[in-house]
């Protein structure tokens, strides 16, 4: 299980993440968010946090690495590999 966090204040709508991981989509404000594809999504004004339990962590990490504003972080959920 892993968590992907989008910092909405840092996101500038470049969308390099969308080409690396299909779960990332554009929201109504022109910023990155998630398609709820198999995960739990929590949204606030400052962040969007997706918690996923699948084999696509490498895609999420590629999306985070592609973000020129470091607006995306990927971390293992405590107690999980």
Protein backbone atom coordinates (compact mmCIF):
# COMPACT_ATOMS: atom_id res chain seq x y z
CA UNK A 1 0.00 0.00 0.00
CA UNK A 2 1.28 3.46 -0.84
CA UNK A 3 0.14 7.06 -0.69
CA UNK A 4 0.45 9.66 -3.44
CA UNK A 5 0.04 13.31 -2.45
CA UNK A 6 -0.47 16.22 -4.82
CA UNK A 7 0.33 19.62 -3.32
CA UNK A 8 -2.28 21.79 -5.04
CA UNK A 9 -0.43 24.99 -4.11
CA UNK A 10 2.73 23.76 -5.86
CA UNK A 11 0.96 22.29 -8.91
CA UNK A 12 1.02 24.63 -11.90
CA UNK A 13 -0.93 22.52 -14.38
CA UNK A 14 2.01 21.38 -16.52
CA UNK A 15 0.57 17.82 -16.41
CA UNK A 16 3.79 15.90 -17.01
CA UNK A 17 2.30 13.45 -14.49
CA UNK A 18 -0.62 12.60 -16.81
CA UNK A 19 1.68 11.04 -19.38
CA UNK A 20 3.41 8.85 -16.76
CA UNK A 21 0.40 7.55 -14.81
CA UNK A 22 -3.12 7.35 -16.22
CA UNK A 23 -4.70 7.88 -12.79
CA UNK A 24 -3.71 11.55 -12.90
CA UNK A 25 -6.31 13.78 -14.55
CA UNK A 26 -7.03 17.50 -14.79
CA UNK A 27 -9.57 18.88 -12.32
CA UNK A 28 -12.02 21.76 -12.82
CA UNK A 29 -9.41 24.23 -11.52
CA UNK A 30 -6.81 23.21 -14.12
CA UNK A 31 -4.69 21.31 -11.59
CA UNK A 32 -3.76 17.65 -11.24
CA UNK A 33 -6.02 15.25 -9.36
CA UNK A 34 -6.78 11.52 -9.50
CA UNK A 35 -9.29 9.41 -11.29
CA UNK A 36 -10.51 7.29 -8.35
CA UNK A 37 -9.35 4.16 -10.18
CA UNK A 38 -9.21 1.60 -7.38
CA UNK A 39 -7.93 3.87 -4.64
CA UNK A 40 -9.17 6.00 -1.80
CA UNK A 41 -9.01 9.71 -2.65
CA UNK A 42 -9.14 12.54 -0.11
CA UNK A 43 -9.33 16.14 -1.32
CA UNK A 44 -8.79 19.40 0.53
CA UNK A 45 -8.09 22.90 -0.76
CA UNK A 46 -4.35 22.28 -0.27
CA UNK A 47 -3.86 18.62 -1.23
CA UNK A 48 -5.22 15.59 -3.00
CA UNK A 49 -4.16 12.32 -1.39
CA UNK A 50 -4.66 8.94 -3.02
CA UNK A 51 -4.04 5.70 -1.17
CA UNK A 52 -3.59 2.70 -3.42
CA UNK A 53 -3.00 -1.00 -2.98
CA UNK A 54 -1.85 -2.17 -6.39
CA UNK A 55 1.27 -2.82 -8.44
CA UNK A 56 1.46 0.64 -10.04
CA UNK A 57 3.72 2.37 -7.52
CA UNK A 58 6.45 2.65 -10.21
CA UNK A 59 4.02 4.65 -12.40
CA UNK A 60 3.28 6.98 -9.48
CA UNK A 61 6.99 7.46 -8.81
CA UNK A 62 7.61 8.28 -12.49
CA UNK A 63 4.80 10.86 -12.35
CA UNK A 64 6.34 12.41 -9.24
CA UNK A 65 9.79 12.52 -10.85
CA UNK A 66 8.35 14.18 -13.97
CA UNK A 67 6.69 17.01 -12.03
CA UNK A 68 8.86 20.12 -12.52
CA UNK A 69 7.45 21.70 -9.34
CA UNK A 70 7.92 18.71 -7.00
CA UNK A 71 4.20 18.86 -6.28
CA UNK A 72 3.84 15.06 -6.06
CA UNK A 73 5.16 12.75 -3.38
CA UNK A 74 4.92 8.99 -3.14
CA UNK A 75 5.41 7.12 0.12
CA UNK A 76 4.81 3.67 1.52
CA UNK A 77 2.02 3.54 4.05
CA UNK A 78 3.52 2.74 7.45
CA UNK A 79 3.61 -0.93 8.23
CA UNK A 80 3.52 -1.91 4.57
CA UNK A 81 6.40 -2.73 2.22
